[in-house]
């Protein structure tokens, strides 16, 4: 464990809340929902200090195996918990996320915390202000315990870098937790965190959620402000990259989404879209398509079975579910790579000029693939922007009567450490196509666990919706979750 993450282990003590004992809190924790944590605190059955201490003790025990964290603010979390405890005892009005311990991906600004985005080149960057979404979480009562690991500059589906090393999957330590929000997914899945925030430019919320058996939402661009995120949500990255919630249940994802959503002047795509609440009965009239496309590759039999099971569960709950062929996704994948690869890769190349000796192997591989072609011309760039908009409109036309789709998140469950790459034919551009086209088109998508492979690794199903219909995506994902029944936790000690 890195020295800055070492914790003292004070004994849990009586805090003043009625009948609050450490063993009672321990029986309540872990793997509880955000609403359950808040309710237990409001009813004074568990104290804020105990909830925070239990998370910190769990981090102390599991972090050496997972390596999920970049920075841990143990004393800051304890201080906020003590202040929150006073509010509970006074009977003050409590915010919706009161004392819920959360984590933040280490590419999102939290005032006073290092925000390296997995790179030695940013190891000394410490923001002076919170990103707007962070301010909103704090205002809602959440306690931020730390930020989590990423691949360098977020540009891989495996979380490993020269600054803080690799993050392991709590279901199997020999496997990747995914990327780029891999540290976040590992922390949440192992209950070191009750929930948190990731970001997604090609599946970077949904893939780690799928790998680690949790839930995550890639929202429509503009629903949650990307202000304070690195790389900035502007220019070529504006449509592609978004910040979004991750948690162990869709209900928790929704709670985080509702707190973080809303316009912000720093995000060029920010839109004042009002929040909507759907009951399951209100969305049962929607037609749901099981996505078919030759452009997306072939998922494993177990992955396909998980999607089929999710479709069957929805059908049994009264939804109309049928196969749905979507044309144009081959072009969507090519356009996504044009922006994510050559365009963004060339921007990075300029920013790291003269410092390539400090770049990680994963990022070096990305750059080699992204910048291997000829220099991009202005004509190519403007044509790609036009094609993206026209293709998005065409996909929307096809989905006019089928507003929600089901698909895999990727072609398979979590791969072993070091087995991901950008090589043609076997790499990310083939295995992650199910997720990538949503980033090109700006569509929302959620990952929800739906099965387990024969190796014991979780398999998520992707629920896809039309732009600004994030709430209907969450409603359908929650219907799958409820029909599926209780979800299992990873092996207790990852032994």
Protein backbone atom coordinates (compact mmCIF):
# COMPACT_ATOMS: atom_id res chain seq x y z
CA UNK A 1 0.00 0.00 0.00
CA UNK A 2 1.36 3.45 -0.84
CA UNK A 3 2.30 5.48 2.28
CA UNK A 4 -0.25 8.23 1.66
CA UNK A 5 -3.06 5.67 1.84
CA UNK A 6 -2.16 4.22 5.25
CA UNK A 7 -4.88 4.49 7.86
CA UNK A 8 -4.88 4.51 11.58
CA UNK A 9 -7.38 2.06 13.04
CA UNK A 10 -9.13 3.78 15.96
CA UNK A 11 -11.57 1.66 17.89
CA UNK A 12 -15.17 2.41 17.08
CA UNK A 13 -16.77 4.08 20.07
CA UNK A 14 -20.18 5.12 21.29
CA UNK A 15 -21.02 8.37 19.52
CA UNK A 16 -24.08 9.72 21.26
CA UNK A 17 -26.67 8.40 18.80
CA UNK A 18 -29.32 6.34 20.55
CA UNK A 19 -28.37 2.67 20.93
CA UNK A 20 -25.52 2.98 18.43
CA UNK A 21 -22.96 0.21 18.82
CA UNK A 22 -20.16 -0.81 16.48
CA UNK A 23 -21.44 -4.37 16.05
CA UNK A 24 -24.86 -3.03 15.01
CA UNK A 25 -23.25 -0.93 12.32
CA UNK A 26 -21.15 -3.88 11.19
CA UNK A 27 -24.25 -6.04 10.76
CA UNK A 28 -25.77 -3.30 8.62
CA UNK A 29 -22.71 -2.83 6.43
CA UNK A 30 -21.55 -3.46 3.66
CA UNK A 31 -23.45 -3.64 0.36
CA UNK A 32 -26.34 -1.47 1.48
CA UNK A 33 -28.13 0.99 -0.79
CA UNK A 34 -27.55 4.72 -0.53
CA UNK A 35 -31.11 5.25 0.67
CA UNK A 36 -30.67 2.57 3.35
CA UNK A 37 -27.51 4.21 4.67
CA UNK A 38 -29.22 7.58 4.85
CA UNK A 39 -32.32 6.14 6.50
CA UNK A 40 -30.32 4.28 9.15
CA UNK A 41 -28.52 7.52 9.98
CA UNK A 42 -31.74 9.58 10.05
CA UNK A 43 -33.32 7.06 12.42
CA UNK A 44 -30.17 7.19 14.62
CA UNK A 45 -29.67 3.43 14.47
CA UNK A 46 -26.20 3.97 12.96
CA UNK A 47 -24.00 7.01 13.42
CA UNK A 48 -22.29 8.98 10.63
CA UNK A 49 -18.91 8.41 12.30
CA UNK A 50 -19.40 4.64 12.32
CA UNK A 51 -20.44 4.53 8.68
CA UNK A 52 -17.35 6.45 7.62
CA UNK A 53 -15.05 4.43 9.88
CA UNK A 54 -16.40 1.16 8.54
CA UNK A 55 -15.68 2.26 4.97
CA UNK A 56 -12.19 3.43 5.92
CA UNK A 57 -11.43 0.16 7.69
CA UNK A 58 -12.62 -1.75 4.64
CA UNK A 59 -10.36 0.34 2.41
CA UNK A 60 -7.45 -0.34 4.76
CA UNK A 61 -8.05 -4.08 4.48
CA UNK A 62 -8.79 -4.39 0.78
CA UNK A 63 -6.78 -1.62 -0.88
CA UNK A 64 -3.50 -3.63 -0.87
CA UNK A 65 -5.24 -6.26 -3.00
CA UNK A 66 -7.24 -3.94 -5.27
CA UNK A 67 -5.13 -0.78 -5.65
CA UNK A 68 -8.28 1.16 -6.46
CA UNK A 69 -7.37 4.49 -4.85
CA UNK A 70 -5.10 7.35 -5.87
CA UNK A 71 -5.81 9.64 -2.91
CA UNK A 72 -7.59 8.93 0.37
CA UNK A 73 -8.82 11.79 2.56
CA UNK A 74 -9.45 9.80 5.74
CA UNK A 75 -9.16 12.69 8.17
CA UNK A 76 -11.30 14.96 6.00
CA UNK A 77 -13.99 12.28 5.87
CA UNK A 78 -13.87 11.77 9.63
CA UNK A 79 -14.13 15.50 10.26
CA UNK A 80 -17.20 15.80 8.03
CA UNK A 81 -18.76 12.74 9.68
CA UNK A 82 -18.35 14.28 13.15
CA UNK A 83 -19.95 17.51 11.96
CA UNK A 84 -22.78 15.57 10.33
CA UNK A 85 -23.36 13.61 13.51
CA UNK A 86 -24.09 16.85 15.35
CA UNK A 87 -26.72 17.69 12.73
CA UNK A 88 -28.39 14.30 13.24
CA UNK A 89 -28.50 14.72 16.99
CA UNK A 90 -29.97 18.22 16.69
CA UNK A 91 -32.67 16.91 14.38
CA UNK A 92 -31.66 19.23 11.55
CA UNK A 93 -33.06 18.78 8.05
CA UNK A 94 -30.79 16.28 6.31
CA UNK A 95 -29.84 16.30 2.64
CA UNK A 96 -30.65 13.31 0.36
CA UNK A 97 -27.12 11.84 0.41
CA UNK A 98 -26.41 12.69 4.04
CA UNK A 99 -23.12 11.02 5.08
CA UNK A 100 -23.11 8.60 2.13
CA UNK A 101 -19.40 7.79 1.49
CA UNK A 102 -18.60 8.32 -2.19
CA UNK A 103 -15.54 8.26 -4.43
CA UNK A 104 -14.59 10.28 -7.51
CA UNK A 105 -12.56 9.25 -10.53
CA UNK A 106 -9.15 10.94 -10.37
CA UNK A 107 -9.66 12.95 -13.56
CA UNK A 108 -12.40 15.10 -11.98
CA UNK A 109 -11.45 18.14 -9.92
CA UNK A 110 -11.87 17.96 -6.15
CA UNK A 111 -10.41 20.99 -4.41
CA UNK A 112 -7.13 20.18 -2.64
CA UNK A 113 -6.86 16.61 -3.96
CA UNK A 114 -4.30 15.49 -6.56
CA UNK A 115 -6.01 14.89 -9.90
CA UNK A 116 -3.42 13.08 -12.06
CA UNK A 117 -5.66 11.21 -14.54
CA UNK A 118 -3.16 8.37 -14.31
CA UNK A 119 -0.18 10.33 -15.61
CA UNK A 120 3.23 11.29 -14.25
CA UNK A 121 2.81 14.45 -16.29
CA UNK A 122 -0.08 15.55 -14.04
CA UNK A 123 1.16 14.19 -10.71
CA UNK A 124 1.60 17.68 -9.25
CA UNK A 125 -1.74 19.06 -10.42
CA UNK A 126 -4.00 19.92 -7.46
CA UNK A 127 -7.19 21.81 -8.36
CA UNK A 128 -8.26 24.80 -6.31
CA UNK A 129 -11.98 24.40 -7.02
CA UNK A 130 -14.46 21.53 -7.10
CA UNK A 131 -15.98 20.47 -10.38
CA UNK A 132 -19.69 21.44 -10.41
CA UNK A 133 -20.80 17.83 -10.06
CA UNK A 134 -18.56 17.49 -7.00
CA UNK A 135 -20.03 20.64 -5.46
CA UNK A 136 -23.52 19.23 -6.02
CA UNK A 137 -22.66 15.93 -4.33
CA UNK A 138 -21.17 17.73 -1.33
CA UNK A 139 -24.20 20.02 -1.10
CA UNK A 140 -26.41 16.92 -1.04
CA UNK A 141 -24.58 15.71 2.07
CA UNK A 142 -22.22 13.13 0.57
CA UNK A 143 -18.83 12.56 2.18
CA UNK A 144 -16.06 12.08 -0.37
CA UNK A 145 -13.48 9.63 0.95
CA UNK A 146 -11.03 9.66 -1.95
CA UNK A 147 -10.44 9.49 -5.67
CA UNK A 148 -9.76 6.45 -7.79
CA UNK A 149 -7.31 5.05 -10.29
CA UNK A 150 -7.42 5.38 -14.11
CA UNK A 151 -5.27 4.45 -17.08
CA UNK A 152 -3.06 7.27 -18.29
CA UNK A 153 -5.21 10.11 -19.65
CA UNK A 154 -8.15 7.62 -19.59
CA UNK A 155 -7.27 6.14 -22.97
CA UNK A 156 -7.49 2.38 -22.29
CA UNK A 157 -9.98 -0.24 -21.14
CA UNK A 158 -7.57 -1.46 -18.46
CA UNK A 159 -6.61 0.62 -15.42
CA UNK A 160 -2.82 0.61 -15.19
CA UNK A 161 -0.24 3.41 -15.25
CA UNK A 162 3.30 4.33 -14.21
CA UNK A 163 2.13 6.60 -11.39
CA UNK A 164 -0.06 4.31 -9.27
CA UNK A 165 0.03 0.90 -10.97
CA UNK A 166 -2.78 -1.46 -11.89
CA UNK A 167 -6.21 -1.93 -10.34
CA UNK A 168 -7.52 -5.47 -9.89
CA UNK A 169 -11.03 -6.85 -10.22
CA UNK A 170 -12.61 -7.82 -6.87
CA UNK A 171 -14.21 -10.86 -8.50
CA UNK A 172 -10.83 -12.21 -9.63
CA UNK A 173 -7.60 -10.42 -8.77
CA UNK A 174 -5.91 -11.82 -11.88
CA UNK A 175 -8.40 -9.89 -14.02
CA UNK A 176 -8.73 -6.24 -14.96
CA UNK A 177 -11.33 -4.00 -13.33
CA UNK A 178 -11.73 -2.35 -16.73
CA UNK A 179 -11.06 1.20 -17.78
CA UNK A 180 -11.01 3.96 -17.71
CA UNK A 181 -13.18 4.11 -14.56
CA UNK A 182 -11.64 0.89 -13.28
CA UNK A 183 -10.60 2.18 -9.87
CA UNK A 184 -14.08 3.54 -9.31
CA UNK A 185 -15.75 0.25 -10.28
CA UNK A 186 -13.43 -1.80 -8.05
CA UNK A 187 -13.97 0.49 -5.05
CA UNK A 188 -17.76 0.38 -5.40
CA UNK A 189 -18.00 -3.36 -6.12
CA UNK A 190 -15.89 -4.15 -3.04
CA UNK A 191 -17.97 -1.75 -0.88
CA UNK A 192 -15.00 0.47 -0.14
CA UNK A 193 -17.32 3.15 -1.50
CA UNK A 194 -21.11 3.32 -1.55
CA UNK A 195 -21.11 4.84 -5.04
CA UNK A 196 -19.34 7.43 -7.10
CA UNK A 197 -18.57 9.14 -10.37
CA UNK A 198 -16.82 7.89 -13.49
CA UNK A 199 -16.53 9.18 -17.02
CA UNK A 200 -17.11 7.58 -20.39
CA UNK A 201 -15.63 8.29 -23.83
CA UNK A 202 -16.02 4.84 -25.35
CA UNK A 203 -17.50 2.65 -22.63
CA UNK A 204 -15.38 3.83 -19.69
CA UNK A 205 -18.28 3.75 -17.21
CA UNK A 206 -20.21 0.84 -18.70
CA UNK A 207 -17.29 -1.54 -19.30
CA UNK A 208 -15.83 -1.34 -15.76
CA UNK A 209 -19.36 -1.66 -14.35
CA UNK A 210 -19.86 -4.77 -16.49
CA UNK A 211 -16.45 -6.20 -15.51
CA UNK A 212 -16.99 -5.60 -11.77
CA UNK A 213 -20.69 -6.44 -11.43
CA UNK A 214 -22.07 -3.00 -10.63
CA UNK A 215 -24.30 -0.47 -12.41
CA UNK A 216 -23.32 2.65 -14.33
CA UNK A 217 -24.92 5.29 -16.53
CA UNK A 218 -23.32 7.02 -19.48
CA UNK A 219 -25.69 10.00 -19.67
CA UNK A 220 -26.61 12.12 -22.65
CA UNK A 221 -23.96 14.82 -23.15
CA UNK A 222 -25.11 17.94 -21.32
CA UNK A 223 -27.24 16.25 -18.65
CA UNK A 224 -24.36 16.21 -16.11
CA UNK A 225 -21.77 18.97 -16.53
CA UNK A 226 -18.32 17.80 -17.63
CA UNK A 227 -16.77 21.02 -16.32
CA UNK A 228 -13.68 20.19 -14.25
CA UNK A 229 -12.97 16.94 -16.08
CA UNK A 230 -9.70 16.07 -17.80
CA UNK A 231 -9.54 15.85 -20.78
CA UNK A 232 -11.87 18.85 -21.04
CA UNK A 233 -15.35 18.18 -22.41
CA UNK A 234 -14.90 20.52 -25.33
CA UNK A 235 -14.06 20.40 -29.03
CA UNK A 236 -13.61 16.87 -30.37
CA UNK A 237 -14.27 15.42 -26.91
CA UNK A 238 -17.53 17.27 -26.23
CA UNK A 239 -19.95 14.75 -27.80
CA UNK A 240 -17.81 11.74 -26.97
CA UNK A 241 -16.92 12.15 -23.30
CA UNK A 242 -19.33 12.48 -20.38
CA UNK A 243 -19.25 12.13 -16.59
CA UNK A 244 -21.79 9.85 -14.96
CA UNK A 245 -22.83 7.92 -11.83
CA UNK A 246 -21.74 4.43 -10.80
CA UNK A 247 -23.21 2.39 -7.92
CA UNK A 248 -24.29 -1.10 -6.88
CA UNK A 249 -27.93 -0.66 -7.93
CA UNK A 250 -29.85 1.29 -10.54
CA UNK A 251 -31.81 3.05 -7.78
CA UNK A 252 -28.51 4.35 -6.41
CA UNK A 253 -27.37 5.38 -9.88
CA UNK A 254 -30.60 7.33 -10.26
CA UNK A 255 -30.12 9.05 -6.88
CA UNK A 256 -26.65 10.22 -7.90
CA UNK A 257 -27.84 11.27 -11.36
CA UNK A 258 -30.62 13.39 -9.88
CA UNK A 259 -28.14 15.23 -7.65
CA UNK A 260 -25.53 15.83 -10.35
CA UNK A 261 -27.80 16.63 -13.30
CA UNK A 262 -28.51 20.19 -14.35
CA UNK A 263 -27.05 22.94 -16.53
CA UNK A 264 -23.67 24.57 -16.00
CA UNK A 265 -22.17 27.46 -17.95
CA UNK A 266 -18.81 25.71 -18.20
CA UNK A 267 -20.20 22.87 -20.31
CA UNK A 268 -20.93 23.93 -23.90
CA UNK A 269 -23.46 21.11 -24.34
CA UNK A 270 -25.21 21.79 -21.04
CA UNK A 271 -28.98 21.65 -21.39
CA UNK A 272 -31.69 22.67 -18.88
CA UNK A 273 -33.60 19.41 -19.23
CA UNK A 274 -35.96 18.84 -16.29
CA UNK A 275 -35.68 15.62 -14.33
CA UNK A 276 -38.44 13.10 -14.93
CA UNK A 277 -39.58 10.24 -12.73
CA UNK A 278 -40.92 7.11 -14.42
CA UNK A 279 -42.76 4.32 -12.72
CA UNK A 280 -42.30 0.95 -14.34
CA UNK A 281 -45.90 0.91 -15.48
CA UNK A 282 -45.33 4.11 -17.44
CA UNK A 283 -42.54 2.58 -19.54
CA UNK A 284 -44.10 -0.81 -20.18
CA UNK A 285 -45.77 0.61 -23.27
CA UNK A 286 -42.38 1.24 -24.86
CA UNK A 287 -41.16 -1.17 -27.49
CA UNK A 288 -37.77 -2.61 -26.56
CA UNK A 289 -35.46 -3.93 -29.24
CA UNK A 290 -32.78 -6.58 -28.87
CA UNK A 291 -30.06 -4.90 -30.89
CA UNK A 292 -28.81 -6.74 -33.96
CA UNK A 293 -25.97 -5.42 -36.11
CA UNK A 294 -23.25 -7.15 -38.07
CA UNK A 295 -21.00 -4.16 -37.30
CA UNK A 296 -20.65 -4.90 -33.59
CA UNK A 297 -18.90 -8.25 -33.65
CA UNK A 298 -19.81 -11.51 -31.96
CA UNK A 299 -20.25 -11.71 -28.20
CA UNK A 300 -19.55 -14.89 -26.23
CA UNK A 301 -22.37 -17.38 -25.83
CA UNK A 302 -22.65 -16.51 -22.12
CA UNK A 303 -22.85 -12.80 -22.93
CA UNK A 304 -25.58 -13.38 -25.50
CA UNK A 305 -27.43 -15.57 -22.99
CA UNK A 306 -27.35 -12.74 -20.43
CA UNK A 307 -28.97 -10.37 -22.94
CA UNK A 308 -31.57 -12.99 -23.84
CA UNK A 309 -32.32 -13.55 -20.16
CA UNK A 310 -32.79 -9.81 -19.61
CA UNK A 311 -35.14 -9.68 -22.60
CA UNK A 312 -37.12 -12.65 -21.26
CA UNK A 313 -37.43 -11.05 -17.82
CA UNK A 314 -38.75 -7.84 -19.37
CA UNK A 315 -41.21 -9.79 -21.49
CA UNK A 316 -42.51 -11.54 -18.36
CA UNK A 317 -43.12 -8.12 -16.80
CA UNK A 318 -45.31 -7.00 -19.69
CA UNK A 319 -42.83 -5.25 -21.97
CA UNK A 320 -42.91 -5.79 -25.72
CA UNK A 321 -39.44 -7.08 -26.61
CA UNK A 322 -38.37 -8.15 -30.08
CA UNK A 323 -35.25 -8.28 -32.28
CA UNK A 324 -34.28 -4.91 -33.75
CA UNK A 325 -31.78 -4.42 -36.57
CA UNK A 326 -30.04 -1.05 -36.57
CA UNK A 327 -28.24 0.05 -39.73
CA UNK A 328 -25.29 2.43 -39.93
CA UNK A 329 -23.32 1.26 -36.90
CA UNK A 330 -20.31 0.28 -39.00
CA UNK A 331 -19.99 3.94 -39.98
CA UNK A 332 -20.63 5.02 -36.39
CA UNK A 333 -17.73 2.88 -35.15
CA UNK A 334 -15.42 4.27 -37.82
CA UNK A 335 -16.39 7.84 -36.95
CA UNK A 336 -15.99 7.20 -33.24
CA UNK A 337 -12.43 6.01 -33.83
CA UNK A 338 -11.69 9.00 -36.07
CA UNK A 339 -12.45 11.36 -33.17
CA UNK A 340 -11.24 9.17 -30.29
CA UNK A 341 -8.15 8.00 -32.16
CA UNK A 342 -6.52 10.32 -34.72
CA UNK A 343 -8.14 13.60 -33.60
CA UNK A 344 -7.66 13.25 -29.84
CA UNK A 345 -4.42 11.33 -30.29
CA UNK A 346 -2.85 14.18 -32.23
CA UNK A 347 -3.96 16.64 -29.55
CA UNK A 348 -2.25 14.50 -26.92
CA UNK A 349 0.88 14.18 -29.06
CA UNK A 350 1.27 17.94 -29.07
CA UNK A 351 0.82 18.17 -25.28
CA UNK A 352 3.41 15.49 -24.43
CA UNK A 353 6.07 16.59 -26.91
CA UNK A 354 9.51 16.19 -25.34
CA UNK A 355 8.19 14.10 -22.42
CA UNK A 356 7.43 10.75 -24.04
CA UNK A 357 9.88 8.99 -21.74
CA UNK A 358 7.35 9.50 -18.92
CA UNK A 359 4.45 7.88 -20.78
CA UNK A 360 3.04 4.47 -19.77
CA UNK A 361 3.12 1.48 -22.18
CA UNK A 362 -0.70 1.47 -22.46
CA UNK A 363 -0.81 5.10 -23.50
CA UNK A 364 2.17 4.68 -25.80
CA UNK A 365 0.30 1.87 -27.57
CA UNK A 366 -2.81 4.02 -27.92
CA UNK A 367 -0.79 6.87 -29.46
CA UNK A 368 0.95 4.53 -31.88
CA UNK A 369 -2.40 3.24 -33.18
CA UNK A 370 -4.13 6.62 -33.12
CA UNK A 371 -1.45 8.57 -34.98
CA UNK A 372 -0.18 5.94 -37.42
CA UNK A 373 -1.99 7.39 -40.45
CA UNK A 374 -1.56 10.56 -42.43
CA UNK A 375 -2.05 13.96 -40.85
CA UNK A 376 -5.73 14.91 -40.59
CA UNK A 377 -6.86 17.63 -42.96
CA UNK A 378 -9.43 20.32 -42.20
CA UNK A 379 -11.63 18.88 -44.95
CA UNK A 380 -11.57 15.43 -43.32
CA UNK A 381 -12.42 16.85 -39.93
CA UNK A 382 -15.37 18.97 -41.10
CA UNK A 383 -16.69 16.06 -43.20
CA UNK A 384 -16.53 13.75 -40.16
CA UNK A 385 -18.46 16.29 -38.06
CA UNK A 386 -21.14 16.51 -40.74
CA UNK A 387 -21.32 12.72 -41.12
CA UNK A 388 -21.66 12.30 -37.35
CA UNK A 389 -24.66 14.63 -37.19
CA UNK A 390 -26.37 13.07 -40.22
CA UNK A 391 -25.78 9.54 -38.93
CA UNK A 392 -27.12 10.45 -35.50
CA UNK A 393 -30.30 11.73 -37.15
CA UNK A 394 -30.61 8.52 -39.18
CA UNK A 395 -30.24 6.33 -36.09
CA UNK A 396 -32.89 8.41 -34.33
CA UNK A 397 -35.25 7.91 -37.27
CA UNK A 398 -34.77 4.15 -37.03
CA UNK A 399 -35.49 4.25 -33.30
CA UNK A 400 -38.63 6.38 -33.64
CA UNK A 401 -40.94 3.56 -32.55
CA UNK A 402 -38.40 1.57 -30.53
CA UNK A 403 -36.88 4.00 -28.05
CA UNK A 404 -34.99 1.48 -25.90
CA UNK A 405 -32.53 -1.22 -26.99
CA UNK A 406 -30.78 -4.09 -25.23
CA UNK A 407 -27.28 -5.25 -26.11
CA UNK A 408 -24.07 -6.58 -24.60
CA UNK A 409 -21.68 -4.06 -23.06
CA UNK A 410 -18.67 -5.78 -24.64
CA UNK A 411 -18.04 -9.10 -26.33
CA UNK A 412 -16.91 -10.88 -23.14
CA UNK A 413 -16.47 -10.57 -19.36
CA UNK A 414 -13.32 -9.14 -17.77
CA UNK A 415 -10.02 -10.09 -19.38
CA UNK A 416 -6.83 -10.93 -17.50
CA UNK A 417 -4.34 -8.20 -16.67
CA UNK A 418 -2.33 -7.22 -19.71
CA UNK A 419 -4.55 -8.92 -22.27
CA UNK A 420 -6.24 -5.75 -23.54
CA UNK A 421 -4.76 -3.87 -26.48
CA UNK A 422 -5.50 -1.70 -29.51
CA UNK A 423 -4.27 -4.25 -32.07
CA UNK A 424 -6.51 -4.76 -35.14
CA UNK A 425 -8.67 -7.88 -35.13
CA UNK A 426 -8.40 -8.72 -31.42
CA UNK A 427 -8.17 -5.39 -29.60
CA UNK A 428 -10.52 -2.83 -28.10
CA UNK A 429 -11.75 -1.61 -31.48
CA UNK A 430 -13.34 -5.04 -31.90
CA UNK A 431 -14.24 -6.13 -28.37
CA UNK A 432 -15.79 -2.84 -27.20
CA UNK A 433 -17.82 -1.87 -30.27
CA UNK A 434 -21.14 -2.45 -28.47
CA UNK A 435 -20.32 0.54 -26.24
CA UNK A 436 -18.39 2.83 -28.57
CA UNK A 437 -21.14 3.80 -31.00
CA UNK A 438 -23.18 5.41 -28.22
CA UNK A 439 -20.37 7.89 -27.59
CA UNK A 440 -20.28 8.89 -31.25
CA UNK A 441 -24.06 9.45 -31.35
CA UNK A 442 -24.46 10.98 -27.88
CA UNK A 443 -26.97 8.35 -26.73
CA UNK A 444 -27.40 7.40 -23.07
CA UNK A 445 -26.63 3.85 -21.98
CA UNK A 446 -26.65 1.96 -18.69
CA UNK A 447 -24.94 -1.26 -17.64
CA UNK A 448 -26.78 -3.55 -15.21
CA UNK A 449 -25.52 -6.98 -14.03
CA UNK A 450 -27.50 -9.82 -15.56
CA UNK A 451 -25.40 -12.99 -15.32
CA UNK A 452 -22.18 -14.69 -14.32
CA UNK A 453 -19.73 -16.57 -16.54
CA UNK A 454 -18.57 -20.12 -15.87
CA UNK A 455 -15.36 -18.58 -14.51
CA UNK A 456 -17.41 -16.66 -11.94
CA UNK A 457 -17.09 -13.24 -13.59
CA UNK A 458 -20.08 -10.87 -13.82
CA UNK A 459 -21.77 -10.09 -17.13
CA UNK A 460 -23.63 -6.84 -17.59
CA UNK A 461 -26.37 -5.97 -20.07
CA UNK A 462 -26.53 -2.57 -21.76
CA UNK A 463 -29.78 -0.60 -21.89
CA UNK A 464 -29.66 2.05 -24.62
CA UNK A 465 -31.96 5.03 -25.08
CA UNK A 466 -32.43 8.11 -27.21
CA UNK A 467 -30.75 11.42 -26.31
CA UNK A 468 -32.18 13.14 -23.21
CA UNK A 469 -34.26 10.08 -22.36
CA UNK A 470 -31.85 8.94 -19.63
CA UNK A 471 -34.66 8.39 -17.15
CA UNK A 472 -36.40 5.83 -19.39
CA UNK A 473 -33.07 3.99 -19.71
CA UNK A 474 -32.84 3.84 -15.93
CA UNK A 475 -36.46 2.71 -15.61
CA UNK A 476 -35.94 -0.24 -17.97
CA UNK A 477 -32.60 -1.12 -16.34
CA UNK A 478 -34.29 -1.13 -12.94
CA UNK A 479 -37.04 -3.41 -14.25
CA UNK A 480 -34.32 -5.88 -15.32
CA UNK A 481 -32.66 -5.56 -11.93
CA UNK A 482 -35.89 -6.16 -10.01
CA UNK A 483 -36.87 -9.12 -12.16
CA UNK A 484 -33.38 -10.59 -11.81
CA UNK A 485 -33.54 -10.52 -8.02
CA UNK A 486 -30.78 -9.85 -5.47
CA UNK A 487 -27.27 -9.55 -6.85
CA UNK A 488 -24.33 -11.28 -5.24
CA UNK A 489 -21.24 -9.55 -3.88
CA UNK A 490 -17.69 -10.44 -4.96
CA UNK A 491 -15.79 -13.06 -2.95
CA UNK A 492 -15.56 -11.74 0.61
CA UNK A 493 -11.80 -11.30 0.84
CA UNK A 494 -10.86 -11.94 -2.81
CA UNK A 495 -9.02 -15.06 -1.69
